[in-house]
């Protein structure tokens, strides 16, 4: 789920960066940073929602 969200952010953000921001390296770095932040938040949410009680 987190990797898919990251892929969507990179694909959409990369397209926007290339079309509207001229495709400068800075705009692409911002897209990459945003995608990593989305992935991190998604993974943190998944870990925090997991059942951490011992089984048995």
Protein backbone atom coordinates (compact mmCIF):
# COMPACT_ATOMS: atom_id res chain seq x y z
CA UNK A 1 0.00 0.00 0.00
CA UNK A 2 2.76 2.44 0.93
CA UNK A 3 4.77 1.67 -2.18
CA UNK A 4 1.71 2.12 -4.35
CA UNK A 5 1.01 5.50 -2.76
CA UNK A 6 4.61 6.48 -3.35
CA UNK A 7 4.38 5.40 -6.99
CA UNK A 8 1.24 7.48 -7.50
CA UNK A 9 2.87 10.55 -5.94
CA UNK A 10 6.00 10.15 -8.05
CA UNK A 11 4.07 9.58 -11.27
CA UNK A 12 1.64 12.46 -10.80
CA UNK A 13 4.18 14.78 -9.21
CA UNK A 14 6.80 14.02 -11.85
CA UNK A 15 4.34 14.77 -14.61
CA UNK A 16 3.37 18.06 -12.94
CA UNK A 17 7.01 18.96 -12.32
CA UNK A 18 7.89 18.34 -15.95
CA UNK A 19 4.86 20.16 -17.38
CA UNK A 20 4.42 23.13 -15.06
CA UNK A 21 7.75 23.61 -13.30
CA UNK A 22 9.95 23.07 -16.32
CA UNK A 23 11.44 19.83 -15.03
CA UNK A 24 14.21 21.45 -13.03
CA UNK A 25 16.20 19.16 -10.75
CA UNK A 26 14.88 21.06 -7.74
CA UNK A 27 11.26 20.38 -8.66
CA UNK A 28 11.98 16.68 -9.16
CA UNK A 29 13.78 16.51 -5.81
CA UNK A 30 10.70 18.01 -4.15
CA UNK A 31 8.55 15.32 -5.77
CA UNK A 32 10.89 12.58 -4.56
CA UNK A 33 10.93 14.02 -1.04
CA UNK A 34 7.14 14.24 -0.99
CA UNK A 35 6.83 10.64 -2.16
CA UNK A 36 9.19 9.43 0.56
CA UNK A 37 7.19 11.39 3.16
CA UNK A 38 3.95 9.79 1.96
CA UNK A 39 5.55 6.36 2.12
CA UNK A 40 6.91 7.00 5.63
CA UNK A 41 3.58 8.23 6.97
CA UNK A 42 1.75 5.29 5.41
CA UNK A 43 4.19 2.78 6.89
CA UNK A 44 4.08 4.46 10.30
CA UNK A 45 0.29 4.35 10.27
CA UNK A 46 0.31 0.66 9.33
CA UNK A 47 2.74 -0.19 12.13
CA UNK A 48 0.83 1.83 14.70
CA UNK A 49 -2.45 0.14 13.76
CA UNK A 50 -1.02 -3.36 14.03
CA UNK A 51 -2.03 -5.65 16.87
CA UNK A 52 1.02 -5.84 19.13
CA UNK A 53 -0.49 -8.03 21.86
CA UNK A 54 1.08 -11.45 22.36
CA UNK A 55 -0.92 -14.36 20.97
CA UNK A 56 -2.03 -17.16 23.15
